[in-house]
Structures are given as C-alpha cells and as structure tokens.
Amino acid sequence: MAATTKFELKLGMATREAFGKALVALGKENRDVVVCDADLSKSTFTSLFHNEFPDRFFSCGIAEANMVAIGAGLAYAGKIPFVASFSSFVMNKGFEQLRCAVAYPGVNLKAVGTHSGISIGEDGPSQMSIEETALACSLPGFIVLSPADEVSTMALIRAAGHHVGPVFARTGRMKAPIIYSADQKFEMGKAIQLIDGSDVTIMATGLLVAESIRAQETLAAEGISARVIDFHTIKPLDRDIIRKAAAETGAIVVAEEHLVDGGLGVRIAQVVAETHPCVMEFVGLTGYAESATPEQLLDKYGMLARDVAAAARKVLARKPK
C-alpha cells in the first residue's frame, strides 16, 4: 500500500552530495571503507571523505580505468572500496576493468557515478551519461541503484557498503525534491509504492520519481487513478511488485532519465512479458541531448510531469476495455 498520498516535494540536496555524506558516515563505522576518485572529488563530494580520512582516500588522476583497477586491488586486500567519478567516465572509461577485474571475480567494489543523465546541464553531451544503467545491468553479479532523493541515497549507499559484492549507484548533479521521511526503510531489490492507484501504474527512477508524483496529481484531477512506484533498485528488479501492478492496473508507464533502449523500461517490460502482459508506454531518451540549463533540457527532451501524464493518457487509450 502507499506510504502516503500527499507530497510537498520540497527541494533538498543533490543525490551526489548525499552520497558524499553517506561515505563519511560509513567511514566512521568501518575503517576498511576506502575511497578512490578521478580528480573530481569536489564535484563528486568524495572530498568530504578526504577531509575526514585523508589516509584512506586515493586520488587517481584523470584515469578512471586505472581507478577501477586500483579499487579492485583494494577489495582483494580486504578493503571496502568506493570508486567515484562522473557516470559517463566511471562506466564508459572503466567498463573493461569493471567487467574483468570486478564482475568476473565478483569482488567487493562499489562504483558510484555522479552527474548522471541530461540534468548535468551545460557541460554538454560528452559528459551526459545516458547509457550507464544499461552497461551496469549487463555486468553479472552487480547490484544497480538509482536513488531519487537525499534520504534514499544515504540509505542505499549505506546498504551498498554493508553488501558483500559489486554495486553501481547512479547519482545526479541537480538538487532533488525530498520524497521520503527520514525514517523510511529501504531494501535493495525492493521497490517502494508511493501512491496507490487502479487505472495505470507509473514506474519511475531517479529524478523522474518526483515528476511522476506530480503527474499523478494532474491525472487525479482528471479522474484518473495512477499508482506510483519508485524503482530505486534497477537490478535486481522487484518482480512481485511489477507483476502485481500489471495484473491490478493493466497499464504501465516507465519513466527514466536514460535511453529507453537498455534502461529500466526494457527490464520491466521483460518481467511484464514473463508474468502478466499488459500495455506499456515509456518516457525516456532516444538520443543525445545538447548543452543548455538542466531545466531547459528536461523540458525539451520530455522529462517533466506533463510528459509522464501524457504517456499515462496514451497507454490508457490502448488499454483493453
């Protein structure tokens, strides 16, 4: 059932900043937690960890492949390494090392990408990570996280630190609306139903969770009952909540700040096909963006509540009577 049906959605900190604060908390709990960064510590907020534990922080320079390999070595030595950079760099530049030195042997490394999606803004398409979810999910044994706000980020980074095995977490540059109360419980692999509904289910991740809540409010004013679910874990997926939503609402919209090819949507569609087929629509990216403010980009490329609501209307028009 829904945790609540009313959200104020006040703006909080960016999920990348929440990641940095969660690292410090983990570092205080466990001396084996170490951090590697690729000369971007002020942007990734790993500088917070460096300030507290300089002897457990390793600056690897602008060399993400080397950083991942160093992190894997630290994991073999019994440490709990977090390696961090912009998502486009840690995943694209470090993919071979993530594959061969982390996924294949299943070492206990945590990779965190910041500045994910097009909401990085003016830095432009070369630094916009819109493929990393698909790449991370392709790595056997990896858990893939995509928190929506500061509360979920802190909780999930903590969970990642306690999990034995490889994890990738996706965080963002923009300040994100606060969705959860401080006492909300999170479990990797278990999605959270935020709002109940009977006509259509909106399944979202990251920044699109808040937009989906706003879309639900618009749809409710039109007499449409929309269920909203936050998929903070993209791998493994919560198959039970997907099957239940498909069976009970018969229509699904998936919303993500990522390429629709290979993202959360296709993973959910696979589960739907295997458990309870129903009509689906997808809100996401179909190509690269350009340089502009985050707000302009989210507007132009259809990442706002109005776009999620439009997809819900579209899927309902296709829903069998």
C-alpha atoms as a PDB file:
ATOM      1  CA  MET A   1       0.000   0.000   0.000  1.00  0.00           C
ATOM      2  CA  ALA A   2       1.011   3.605  -0.405  1.00  0.00           C
ATOM      3  CA  ALA A   3       3.266   5.103   2.241  1.00  0.00           C
ATOM      4  CA  THR A   4       1.464   8.413   1.786  1.00  0.00           C
ATOM      5  CA  THR A   5      -0.743  10.092  -0.814  1.00  0.00           C
ATOM      6  CA  LYS A   6       0.356  13.686  -0.249  1.00  0.00           C
ATOM      7  CA  PHE A   7       3.791  15.031  -1.108  1.00  0.00           C
ATOM      8  CA  GLU A   8       5.067  18.572  -0.632  1.00  0.00           C
ATOM      9  CA  LEU A   9       8.234  17.849  -2.668  1.00  0.00           C
ATOM     10  CA  LYS A  10      10.460  20.477  -1.104  1.00  0.00           C
ATOM     11  CA  LEU A  11      13.846  20.824  -2.760  1.00  0.00           C
ATOM     12  CA  GLY A  12      16.680  19.040  -0.970  1.00  0.00           C
ATOM     13  CA  MET A  13      20.335  18.429  -1.716  1.00  0.00           C
ATOM     14  CA  ALA A  14      21.665  16.764  -4.860  1.00  0.00           C
ATOM     15  CA  THR A  15      21.996  12.987  -4.618  1.00  0.00           C
ATOM     16  CA  ARG A  16      25.745  13.328  -5.336  1.00  0.00           C
ATOM     17  CA  GLU A  17      26.094  15.416  -2.159  1.00  0.00           C
ATOM     18  CA  ALA A  18      24.054  12.898  -0.178  1.00  0.00           C
ATOM     19  CA  PHE A  19      26.436  10.220  -1.464  1.00  0.00           C
ATOM     20  CA  GLY A  20      29.412  12.163  -0.103  1.00  0.00           C
ATOM     21  CA  LYS A  21      27.795  12.499   3.312  1.00  0.00           C
ATOM     22  CA  ALA A  22      26.872   8.820   3.381  1.00  0.00           C
ATOM     23  CA  LEU A  23      30.503   7.938   2.653  1.00  0.00           C
ATOM     24  CA  VAL A  24      31.669   9.868   5.712  1.00  0.00           C
ATOM     25  CA  ALA A  25      29.146   8.038   7.893  1.00  0.00           C
ATOM     26  CA  LEU A  26      30.319   4.682   6.547  1.00  0.00           C
ATOM     27  CA  GLY A  27      33.933   5.674   7.089  1.00  0.00           C
ATOM     28  CA  LYS A  28      33.246   6.407  10.742  1.00  0.00           C
ATOM     29  CA  GLU A  29      31.641   2.990  11.174  1.00  0.00           C
ATOM     30  CA  ASN A  30      34.257   0.898   9.407  1.00  0.00           C
ATOM     31  CA  ARG A  31      37.969   1.599   8.974  1.00  0.00           C
ATOM     32  CA  ASP A  32      38.067  -0.718   5.954  1.00  0.00           C
ATOM     33  CA  VAL A  33      35.997   1.727   3.884  1.00  0.00           C
ATOM     34  CA  VAL A  34      38.310   3.499   1.428  1.00  0.00           C
ATOM     35  CA  VAL A  35      37.634   5.876  -1.466  1.00  0.00           C
ATOM     36  CA  CYS A  36      39.212   6.353  -4.908  1.00  0.00           C
ATOM     37  CA  ASP A  37      38.421   9.388  -7.038  1.00  0.00           C
ATOM     38  CA  ALA A  38      39.447  10.540 -10.502  1.00  0.00           C
ATOM     39  CA  ASP A  39      40.410  14.167  -9.836  1.00  0.00           C
ATOM     40  CA  LEU A  40      36.787  15.228  -9.383  1.00  0.00           C
ATOM     41  CA  SER A  41      36.407  14.986  -5.622  1.00  0.00           C
ATOM     42  CA  LYS A  42      34.807  18.414  -5.200  1.00  0.00           C
ATOM     43  CA  SER A  43      32.189  17.562  -7.830  1.00  0.00           C
ATOM     44  CA  THR A  44      31.537  14.009  -6.623  1.00  0.00           C
ATOM     45  CA  PHE A  45      31.613  15.158  -2.977  1.00  0.00           C
ATOM     46  CA  THR A  46      34.158  12.480  -2.079  1.00  0.00           C
ATOM     47  CA  SER A  47      36.144  15.475  -0.821  1.00  0.00           C
ATOM     48  CA  LEU A  48      34.043  15.163   2.333  1.00  0.00           C
ATOM     49  CA  PHE A  49      35.566  11.733   2.946  1.00  0.00           C
ATOM     50  CA  HIS A  50      39.049  13.025   2.117  1.00  0.00           C
ATOM     51  CA  ASN A  51      38.683  15.770   4.701  1.00  0.00           C
ATOM     52  CA  GLU A  52      37.789  13.240   7.399  1.00  0.00           C
ATOM     53  CA  PHE A  53      40.041  10.333   6.403  1.00  0.00           C
ATOM     54  CA  PRO A  54      42.925  11.565   4.206  1.00  0.00           C
ATOM     55  CA  ASP A  55      44.911   8.351   4.737  1.00  0.00           C
ATOM     56  CA  ARG A  56      42.034   6.286   3.283  1.00  0.00           C
ATOM     57  CA  PHE A  57      41.495   8.457   0.201  1.00  0.00           C
ATOM     58  CA  PHE A  58      43.303   7.804  -3.098  1.00  0.00           C
ATOM     59  CA  SER A  59      43.362  10.405  -5.874  1.00  0.00           C
ATOM     60  CA  CYS A  60      43.904   8.502  -9.116  1.00  0.00           C
ATOM     61  CA  GLY A  61      44.032  11.424 -11.530  1.00  0.00           C
ATOM     62  CA  ILE A  62      42.030  11.631 -14.741  1.00  0.00           C
ATOM     63  CA  ALA A  63      42.249   7.879 -15.256  1.00  0.00           C
ATOM     64  CA  GLU A  64      39.018   6.039 -14.446  1.00  0.00           C
ATOM     65  CA  ALA A  65      40.213   2.699 -15.841  1.00  0.00           C
ATOM     66  CA  ASN A  66      43.200   2.762 -13.511  1.00  0.00           C
ATOM     67  CA  MET A  67      40.970   3.908 -10.660  1.00  0.00           C
ATOM     68  CA  VAL A  68      38.669   0.903 -11.034  1.00  0.00           C
ATOM     69  CA  ALA A  69      41.633  -1.461 -11.220  1.00  0.00           C
ATOM     70  CA  ILE A  70      43.151   0.096  -8.077  1.00  0.00           C
ATOM     71  CA  GLY A  71      39.796  -0.238  -6.348  1.00  0.00           C
ATOM     72  CA  ALA A  72      39.600  -3.905  -7.318  1.00  0.00           C
ATOM     73  CA  GLY A  73      43.056  -4.437  -5.840  1.00  0.00           C
ATOM     74  CA  LEU A  74      41.995  -2.782  -2.606  1.00  0.00           C
ATOM     75  CA  ALA A  75      38.960  -5.079  -2.488  1.00  0.00           C
ATOM     76  CA  TYR A  76      41.234  -8.112  -2.893  1.00  0.00           C
ATOM     77  CA  ALA A  77      43.229  -6.765   0.068  1.00  0.00           C
ATOM     78  CA  GLY A  78      40.118  -6.836   2.253  1.00  0.00           C
ATOM     79  CA  LYS A  79      39.109  -3.185   1.962  1.00  0.00           C
ATOM     80  CA  ILE A  80      35.667  -1.879   1.009  1.00  0.00           C
ATOM     81  CA  PRO A  81      36.465   0.491  -1.869  1.00  0.00           C
ATOM     82  CA  PHE A  82      34.134   3.119  -3.290  1.00  0.00           C
ATOM     83  CA  VAL A  83      35.352   4.398  -6.665  1.00  0.00           C
ATOM     84  CA  ALA A  84      33.692   7.576  -7.922  1.00  0.00           C
ATOM     85  CA  SER A  85      33.633   9.857 -10.949  1.00  0.00           C
ATOM     86  CA  PHE A  86      31.086  11.291 -13.354  1.00  0.00           C
ATOM     87  CA  SER A  87      28.860   8.408 -14.520  1.00  0.00           C
ATOM     88  CA  SER A  88      29.940   8.820 -18.130  1.00  0.00           C
ATOM     89  CA  PHE A  89      33.582   8.416 -17.104  1.00  0.00           C
ATOM     90  CA  VAL A  90      33.488   5.719 -14.444  1.00  0.00           C
ATOM     91  CA  MET A  91      31.268   3.469 -16.552  1.00  0.00           C
ATOM     92  CA  ASN A  92      32.430   4.179 -20.107  1.00  0.00           C
ATOM     93  CA  LYS A  93      36.147   4.528 -19.386  1.00  0.00           C
ATOM     94  CA  GLY A  94      36.218   1.919 -16.656  1.00  0.00           C
ATOM     95  CA  PHE A  95      33.946  -0.685 -18.244  1.00  0.00           C
ATOM     96  CA  GLU A  96      36.643  -3.191 -19.195  1.00  0.00           C
ATOM     97  CA  GLN A  97      38.049  -3.104 -15.672  1.00  0.00           C
ATOM     98  CA  LEU A  98      34.557  -3.321 -14.159  1.00  0.00           C
ATOM     99  CA  ARG A  99      33.962  -6.364 -16.343  1.00  0.00           C
ATOM    100  CA  CYS A 100      37.245  -8.219 -15.951  1.00  0.00           C
ATOM    101  CA  ALA A 101      38.544  -7.088 -12.546  1.00  0.00           C
ATOM    102  CA  VAL A 102      35.240  -6.673 -10.680  1.00  0.00           C
ATOM    103  CA  ALA A 103      32.267  -8.517 -12.212  1.00  0.00           C
ATOM    104  CA  TYR A 104      34.082 -11.670 -13.340  1.00  0.00           C
ATOM    105  CA  PRO A 105      35.779 -12.356  -9.972  1.00  0.00           C
ATOM    106  CA  GLY A 106      32.846 -10.790  -8.059  1.00  0.00           C
ATOM    107  CA  VAL A 107      34.989  -8.549  -5.869  1.00  0.00           C
ATOM    108  CA  ASN A 108      33.533  -6.269  -3.206  1.00  0.00           C
ATOM    109  CA  LEU A 109      33.805  -2.937  -5.039  1.00  0.00           C
ATOM    110  CA  LYS A 110      31.261  -0.117  -5.124  1.00  0.00           C
ATOM    111  CA  ALA A 111      31.268   2.174  -8.187  1.00  0.00           C
ATOM    112  CA  VAL A 112      29.357   5.438  -7.917  1.00  0.00           C
ATOM    113  CA  GLY A 113      28.575   7.650 -10.886  1.00  0.00           C
ATOM    114  CA  THR A 114      27.629  11.283 -10.325  1.00  0.00           C
ATOM    115  CA  HIS A 115      26.281  13.821 -12.842  1.00  0.00           C
ATOM    116  CA  SER A 116      24.081  11.165 -14.471  1.00  0.00           C
ATOM    117  CA  GLY A 117      21.578  11.892 -17.202  1.00  0.00           C
ATOM    118  CA  ILE A 118      20.986  15.092 -19.159  1.00  0.00           C
ATOM    119  CA  SER A 119      20.356  17.117 -15.993  1.00  0.00           C
ATOM    120  CA  ILE A 120      24.115  17.698 -15.796  1.00  0.00           C
ATOM    121  CA  GLY A 121      23.174  20.675 -17.997  1.00  0.00           C
ATOM    122  CA  GLU A 122      25.661  22.996 -19.674  1.00  0.00           C
ATOM    123  CA  ASP A 123      28.574  20.520 -19.641  1.00  0.00           C
ATOM    124  CA  GLY A 124      27.087  19.005 -22.783  1.00  0.00           C
ATOM    125  CA  PRO A 125      26.550  15.557 -24.312  1.00  0.00           C
ATOM    126  CA  SER A 126      30.130  14.303 -23.957  1.00  0.00           C
ATOM    127  CA  GLN A 127      29.636  14.271 -20.188  1.00  0.00           C
ATOM    128  CA  MET A 128      25.955  13.279 -20.102  1.00  0.00           C
ATOM    129  CA  SER A 129      25.639   9.688 -19.004  1.00  0.00           C
ATOM    130  CA  ILE A 130      22.555   8.202 -20.610  1.00  0.00           C
ATOM    131  CA  GLU A 131      23.860   4.652 -21.183  1.00  0.00           C
ATOM    132  CA  GLU A 132      25.344   3.677 -17.814  1.00  0.00           C
ATOM    133  CA  THR A 133      22.281   1.877 -16.443  1.00  0.00           C
ATOM    134  CA  ALA A 134      22.259  -0.482 -19.410  1.00  0.00           C
ATOM    135  CA  LEU A 135      26.006  -1.041 -19.137  1.00  0.00           C
ATOM    136  CA  ALA A 136      25.903  -1.618 -15.380  1.00  0.00           C
ATOM    137  CA  CYS A 137      22.980  -4.021 -15.644  1.00  0.00           C
ATOM    138  CA  SER A 138      24.898  -6.029 -18.248  1.00  0.00           C
ATOM    139  CA  LEU A 139      27.587  -6.861 -15.671  1.00  0.00           C
ATOM    140  CA  PRO A 140      26.784 -10.185 -13.991  1.00  0.00           C
ATOM    141  CA  GLY A 141      26.596 -10.032 -10.216  1.00  0.00           C
ATOM    142  CA  PHE A 142      26.235  -6.248  -9.992  1.00  0.00           C
ATOM    143  CA  ILE A 143      23.507  -4.565  -7.969  1.00  0.00           C
ATOM    144  CA  VAL A 144      22.417  -1.335  -9.719  1.00  0.00           C
ATOM    145  CA  LEU A 145      20.945   1.521  -7.681  1.00  0.00           C
ATOM    146  CA  SER A 146      19.271   4.764  -8.766  1.00  0.00           C
ATOM    147  CA  PRO A 147      18.018   6.735  -5.741  1.00  0.00           C
ATOM    148  CA  ALA A 148      15.505   9.554  -6.121  1.00  0.00           C
ATOM    149  CA  ASP A 149      16.375  11.872  -3.239  1.00  0.00           C
ATOM    150  CA  GLU A 150      18.850  12.516  -0.433  1.00  0.00           C
ATOM    151  CA  VAL A 151      17.119  10.178   2.031  1.00  0.00           C
ATOM    152  CA  SER A 152      17.124   7.205  -0.312  1.00  0.00           C
ATOM    153  CA  THR A 153      20.683   7.952  -1.429  1.00  0.00           C
ATOM    154  CA  MET A 154      22.063   7.934   2.102  1.00  0.00           C
ATOM    155  CA  ALA A 155      20.198   4.748   2.976  1.00  0.00           C
ATOM    156  CA  LEU A 156      21.153   2.896  -0.198  1.00  0.00           C
ATOM    157  CA  ILE A 157      24.819   3.920  -0.108  1.00  0.00           C
ATOM    158  CA  ARG A 158      24.892   2.613   3.448  1.00  0.00           C
ATOM    159  CA  ALA A 159      23.268  -0.638   2.281  1.00  0.00           C
ATOM    160  CA  ALA A 160      25.803  -0.892  -0.538  1.00  0.00           C
ATOM    161  CA  GLY A 161      28.633  -0.524   1.952  1.00  0.00           C
ATOM    162  CA  HIS A 162      27.301  -3.426   4.010  1.00  0.00           C
ATOM    163  CA  HIS A 163      26.575  -5.629   0.994  1.00  0.00           C
ATOM    164  CA  VAL A 164      29.319  -8.054   0.018  1.00  0.00           C
ATOM    165  CA  GLY A 165      29.674  -7.870  -3.753  1.00  0.00           C
ATOM    166  CA  PRO A 166      29.841  -5.343  -6.597  1.00  0.00           C
ATOM    167  CA  VAL A 167      27.429  -2.401  -6.703  1.00  0.00           C
ATOM    168  CA  PHE A 168      26.902   0.513  -9.087  1.00  0.00           C
ATOM    169  CA  ALA A 169      24.974   3.573  -7.881  1.00  0.00           C
ATOM    170  CA  ARG A 170      23.714   6.383 -10.104  1.00  0.00           C
ATOM    171  CA  THR A 171      23.515   9.898  -8.631  1.00  0.00           C
ATOM    172  CA  GLY A 172      22.845  13.335 -10.071  1.00  0.00           C
ATOM    173  CA  ARG A 173      24.063  16.919 -10.169  1.00  0.00           C
ATOM    174  CA  MET A 174      20.762  18.763  -9.629  1.00  0.00           C
ATOM    175  CA  LYS A 175      19.196  19.331  -6.264  1.00  0.00           C
ATOM    176  CA  ALA A 176      16.411  16.788  -5.963  1.00  0.00           C
ATOM    177  CA  PRO A 177      12.981  17.099  -4.322  1.00  0.00           C
ATOM    178  CA  ILE A 178      12.711  15.284  -0.994  1.00  0.00           C
ATOM    179  CA  ILE A 179      10.278  12.390  -1.305  1.00  0.00           C
ATOM    180  CA  TYR A 180      10.926  10.302   1.778  1.00  0.00           C
ATOM    181  CA  SER A 181      10.789  10.917   5.509  1.00  0.00           C
ATOM    182  CA  ALA A 182      13.950  10.252   7.470  1.00  0.00           C
ATOM    183  CA  ASP A 183      12.551   7.033   8.966  1.00  0.00           C
ATOM    184  CA  GLN A 184      11.725   5.373   5.621  1.00  0.00           C
ATOM    185  CA  LYS A 185      13.159   1.860   5.334  1.00  0.00           C
ATOM    186  CA  PHE A 186      14.914   0.772   2.139  1.00  0.00           C
ATOM    187  CA  GLU A 187      15.940  -2.664   0.936  1.00  0.00           C
ATOM    188  CA  MET A 188      17.991  -3.222  -2.190  1.00  0.00           C
ATOM    189  CA  GLY A 189      15.835  -5.069  -4.702  1.00  0.00           C
ATOM    190  CA  LYS A 190      12.526  -3.959  -3.160  1.00  0.00           C
ATOM    191  CA  ALA A 191      10.719  -1.114  -4.924  1.00  0.00           C
ATOM    192  CA  ILE A 192       8.527   1.268  -2.925  1.00  0.00           C
ATOM    193  CA  GLN A 193       4.915   2.004  -3.794  1.00  0.00           C
ATOM    194  CA  LEU A 194       4.415   5.683  -3.020  1.00  0.00           C
ATOM    195  CA  ILE A 195       0.832   6.152  -4.191  1.00  0.00           C
ATOM    196  CA  ASP A 196      -1.897   3.599  -4.774  1.00  0.00           C
ATOM    197  CA  GLY A 197      -3.991   3.635  -7.933  1.00  0.00           C
ATOM    198  CA  SER A 198      -6.196   1.392 -10.015  1.00  0.00           C
ATOM    199  CA  ASP A 199      -6.174   2.704 -13.612  1.00  0.00           C
ATOM    200  CA  VAL A 200      -2.472   2.905 -14.513  1.00  0.00           C
ATOM    201  CA  THR A 201       0.892   2.365 -12.824  1.00  0.00           C
ATOM    202  CA  ILE A 202       3.782   4.799 -13.219  1.00  0.00           C
ATOM    203  CA  MET A 203       7.129   3.136 -12.519  1.00  0.00           C
ATOM    204  CA  ALA A 204       9.976   5.614 -12.198  1.00  0.00           C
ATOM    205  CA  THR A 205      13.532   6.041 -11.008  1.00  0.00           C
ATOM    206  CA  GLY A 206      15.849   8.924 -10.070  1.00  0.00           C
ATOM    207  CA  LEU A 207      14.651  12.459 -10.814  1.00  0.00           C
ATOM    208  CA  LEU A 208      11.622  11.107 -12.648  1.00  0.00           C
ATOM    209  CA  VAL A 209      10.092   9.831  -9.409  1.00  0.00           C
ATOM    210  CA  ALA A 210       9.219  13.368  -8.305  1.00  0.00           C
ATOM    211  CA  GLU A 211       7.908  14.191 -11.779  1.00  0.00           C
ATOM    212  CA  SER A 212       5.755  11.042 -11.645  1.00  0.00           C
ATOM    213  CA  ILE A 213       4.259  12.149  -8.331  1.00  0.00           C
ATOM    214  CA  ARG A 214       3.393  15.497  -9.910  1.00  0.00           C
ATOM    215  CA  ALA A 215       1.936  13.679 -12.938  1.00  0.00           C
ATOM    216  CA  GLN A 216      -0.231  11.581 -10.636  1.00  0.00           C
ATOM    217  CA  GLU A 217      -1.660  14.756  -9.118  1.00  0.00           C
ATOM    218  CA  THR A 218      -2.528  16.073 -12.596  1.00  0.00           C
ATOM    219  CA  LEU A 219      -4.138  12.780 -13.565  1.00  0.00           C
ATOM    220  CA  ALA A 220      -6.121  12.620 -10.314  1.00  0.00           C
ATOM    221  CA  ALA A 221      -7.678  15.990 -11.167  1.00  0.00           C
ATOM    222  CA  GLU A 222      -8.860  14.378 -14.419  1.00  0.00           C
ATOM    223  CA  GLY A 223     -10.392  11.414 -12.616  1.00  0.00           C
ATOM    224  CA  ILE A 224      -7.543   9.026 -13.461  1.00  0.00           C
ATOM    225  CA  SER A 225      -6.233   6.865 -10.617  1.00  0.00           C
ATOM    226  CA  ALA A 226      -2.469   6.390 -11.024  1.00  0.00           C
ATOM    227  CA  ARG A 227      -0.250   4.176  -8.896  1.00  0.00           C
ATOM    228  CA  VAL A 228       3.340   5.439  -8.471  1.00  0.00           C
ATOM    229  CA  ILE A 229       6.276   3.140  -7.692  1.00  0.00           C
ATOM    230  CA  ASP A 230       9.892   4.147  -7.070  1.00  0.00           C
ATOM    231  CA  PHE A 231      12.406   1.674  -8.523  1.00  0.00           C
ATOM    232  CA  HIS A 232      15.448   2.746  -6.556  1.00  0.00           C
ATOM    233  CA  THR A 233      16.980  -0.625  -7.437  1.00  0.00           C
ATOM    234  CA  ILE A 234      17.160  -1.382 -11.148  1.00  0.00           C
ATOM    235  CA  LYS A 235      18.976  -4.682 -10.688  1.00  0.00           C
ATOM    236  CA  PRO A 236      17.686  -6.936  -9.243  1.00  0.00           C
ATOM    237  CA  LEU A 237      14.166  -5.803 -10.087  1.00  0.00           C
ATOM    238  CA  ASP A 238      11.253  -6.249  -7.725  1.00  0.00           C
ATOM    239  CA  ARG A 239       9.389  -8.759  -9.878  1.00  0.00           C
ATOM    240  CA  ASP A 240       6.499  -9.196  -7.442  1.00  0.00           C
ATOM    241  CA  ILE A 241       5.533  -5.523  -7.398  1.00  0.00           C
ATOM    242  CA  ILE A 242       5.708  -5.399 -11.220  1.00  0.00           C
ATOM    243  CA  ARG A 243       3.527  -8.479 -11.665  1.00  0.00           C
ATOM    244  CA  LYS A 244       1.006  -7.180  -9.109  1.00  0.00           C
ATOM    245  CA  ALA A 245       0.773  -3.753 -10.763  1.00  0.00           C
ATOM    246  CA  ALA A 246       0.385  -5.255 -14.221  1.00  0.00           C
ATOM    247  CA  ALA A 247      -2.392  -7.538 -13.017  1.00  0.00           C
ATOM    248  CA  GLU A 248      -4.236  -4.907 -10.975  1.00  0.00           C
ATOM    249  CA  THR A 249      -3.975  -1.835 -13.235  1.00  0.00           C
ATOM    250  CA  GLY A 250      -3.424  -3.396 -16.656  1.00  0.00           C
ATOM    251  CA  ALA A 251      -1.372  -0.445 -17.910  1.00  0.00           C
ATOM    252  CA  ILE A 252       2.170   0.709 -17.133  1.00  0.00           C
ATOM    253  CA  VAL A 253       4.266   3.814 -17.844  1.00  0.00           C
ATOM    254  CA  VAL A 254       8.012   3.663 -17.150  1.00  0.00           C
ATOM    255  CA  ALA A 255       9.801   6.996 -16.651  1.00  0.00           C
ATOM    256  CA  GLU A 256      13.585   7.411 -16.530  1.00  0.00           C
ATOM    257  CA  GLU A 257      16.304   9.946 -17.365  1.00  0.00           C
ATOM    258  CA  HIS A 258      18.128   7.427 -19.528  1.00  0.00           C
ATOM    259  CA  LEU A 259      17.992   5.928 -23.003  1.00  0.00           C
ATOM    260  CA  VAL A 260      14.818   3.891 -23.391  1.00  0.00           C
ATOM    261  CA  ASP A 261      16.987   1.314 -25.181  1.00  0.00           C
ATOM    262  CA  GLY A 262      18.506  -0.777 -22.412  1.00  0.00           C
ATOM    263  CA  GLY A 263      17.204   1.160 -19.427  1.00  0.00           C
ATOM    264  CA  LEU A 264      14.711   0.459 -16.655  1.00  0.00           C
ATOM    265  CA  GLY A 265      11.814   0.297 -19.108  1.00  0.00           C
ATOM    266  CA  VAL A 266      13.055  -2.656 -21.137  1.00  0.00           C
ATOM    267  CA  ARG A 267      13.940  -4.526 -17.952  1.00  0.00           C
ATOM    268  CA  ILE A 268      10.432  -4.000 -16.592  1.00  0.00           C
ATOM    269  CA  ALA A 269       8.928  -4.952 -19.968  1.00  0.00           C
ATOM    270  CA  GLN A 270      10.768  -8.278 -19.802  1.00  0.00           C
ATOM    271  CA  VAL A 271       9.238  -9.017 -16.406  1.00  0.00           C
ATOM    272  CA  VAL A 272       5.793  -7.951 -17.638  1.00  0.00           C
ATOM    273  CA  ALA A 273       6.114 -10.265 -20.642  1.00  0.00           C
ATOM    274  CA  GLU A 274       7.112 -13.140 -18.380  1.00  0.00           C
ATOM    275  CA  THR A 275       4.481 -12.614 -15.671  1.00  0.00           C
ATOM    276  CA  HIS A 276       1.404 -10.640 -16.770  1.00  0.00           C
ATOM    277  CA  PRO A 277       1.485  -8.939 -20.204  1.00  0.00           C
ATOM    278  CA  CYS A 278      -0.208  -5.542 -20.427  1.00  0.00           C
ATOM    279  CA  VAL A 279       0.020  -2.301 -22.425  1.00  0.00           C
ATOM    280  CA  MET A 280       3.067  -0.107 -21.711  1.00  0.00           C
ATOM    281  CA  GLU A 281       4.473   3.315 -22.607  1.00  0.00           C
ATOM    282  CA  PHE A 282       7.962   4.685 -21.995  1.00  0.00           C
ATOM    283  CA  VAL A 283       9.201   8.142 -21.005  1.00  0.00           C
ATOM    284  CA  GLY A 284      12.928   8.436 -21.645  1.00  0.00           C
ATOM    285  CA  LEU A 285      15.601   9.484 -24.087  1.00  0.00           C
ATOM    286  CA  THR A 286      16.022   8.298 -27.660  1.00  0.00           C
ATOM    287  CA  GLY A 287      19.338  10.028 -28.396  1.00  0.00           C
ATOM    288  CA  TYR A 288      21.915  12.512 -27.171  1.00  0.00           C
ATOM    289  CA  ALA A 289      20.949  15.933 -25.888  1.00  0.00           C
ATOM    290  CA  GLU A 290      22.835  19.230 -26.148  1.00  0.00           C
ATOM    291  CA  SER A 291      24.206  21.971 -23.915  1.00  0.00           C
ATOM    292  CA  ALA A 292      21.630  24.034 -22.016  1.00  0.00           C
ATOM    293  CA  THR A 293      20.413  24.547 -18.477  1.00  0.00           C
ATOM    294  CA  PRO A 294      19.124  21.407 -16.738  1.00  0.00           C
ATOM    295  CA  GLU A 295      15.622  22.876 -16.696  1.00  0.00           C
ATOM    296  CA  GLN A 296      15.701  23.617 -20.435  1.00  0.00           C
ATOM    297  CA  LEU A 297      16.942  20.125 -21.225  1.00  0.00           C
ATOM    298  CA  LEU A 298      14.386  18.311 -19.099  1.00  0.00           C
ATOM    299  CA  ASP A 299      11.703  20.432 -20.768  1.00  0.00           C
ATOM    300  CA  LYS A 300      12.887  19.907 -24.353  1.00  0.00           C
ATOM    301  CA  TYR A 301      13.503  16.177 -24.038  1.00  0.00           C
ATOM    302  CA  GLY A 302      10.247  15.304 -22.326  1.00  0.00           C
ATOM    303  CA  MET A 303      11.357  14.579 -18.764  1.00  0.00           C
ATOM    304  CA  LEU A 304       8.666  16.542 -16.910  1.00  0.00           C
ATOM    305  CA  ALA A 305       5.397  15.690 -15.164  1.00  0.00           C
ATOM    306  CA  ARG A 306       3.356  16.770 -18.185  1.00  0.00           C
ATOM    307  CA  ASP A 307       5.201  14.199 -20.312  1.00  0.00           C
ATOM    308  CA  VAL A 308       4.607  11.420 -17.802  1.00  0.00           C
ATOM    309  CA  ALA A 309       0.921  12.356 -17.631  1.00  0.00           C
ATOM    310  CA  ALA A 310       0.689  12.378 -21.438  1.00  0.00           C
ATOM    311  CA  ALA A 311       2.195   8.877 -21.559  1.00  0.00           C
ATOM    312  CA  ALA A 312      -0.373   7.723 -18.996  1.00  0.00           C
ATOM    313  CA  ARG A 313      -3.218   9.056 -21.120  1.00  0.00           C
ATOM    314  CA  LYS A 314      -1.716   7.378 -24.181  1.00  0.00           C
ATOM    315  CA  VAL A 315      -1.379   3.992 -22.530  1.00  0.00           C
ATOM    316  CA  LEU A 316      -4.906   4.212 -21.138  1.00  0.00           C
ATOM    317  CA  ALA A 317      -6.204   4.812 -24.663  1.00  0.00           C
ATOM    318  CA  ARG A 318      -4.607   1.485 -25.640  1.00  0.00           C
ATOM    319  CA  LYS A 319      -5.805  -0.400 -22.573  1.00  0.00           C
ATOM    320  CA  PRO A 320      -8.362  -3.098 -23.404  1.00  0.00           C
ATOM    321  CA  LYS A 321     -11.867  -2.184 -22.290  1.00  0.00           C
END
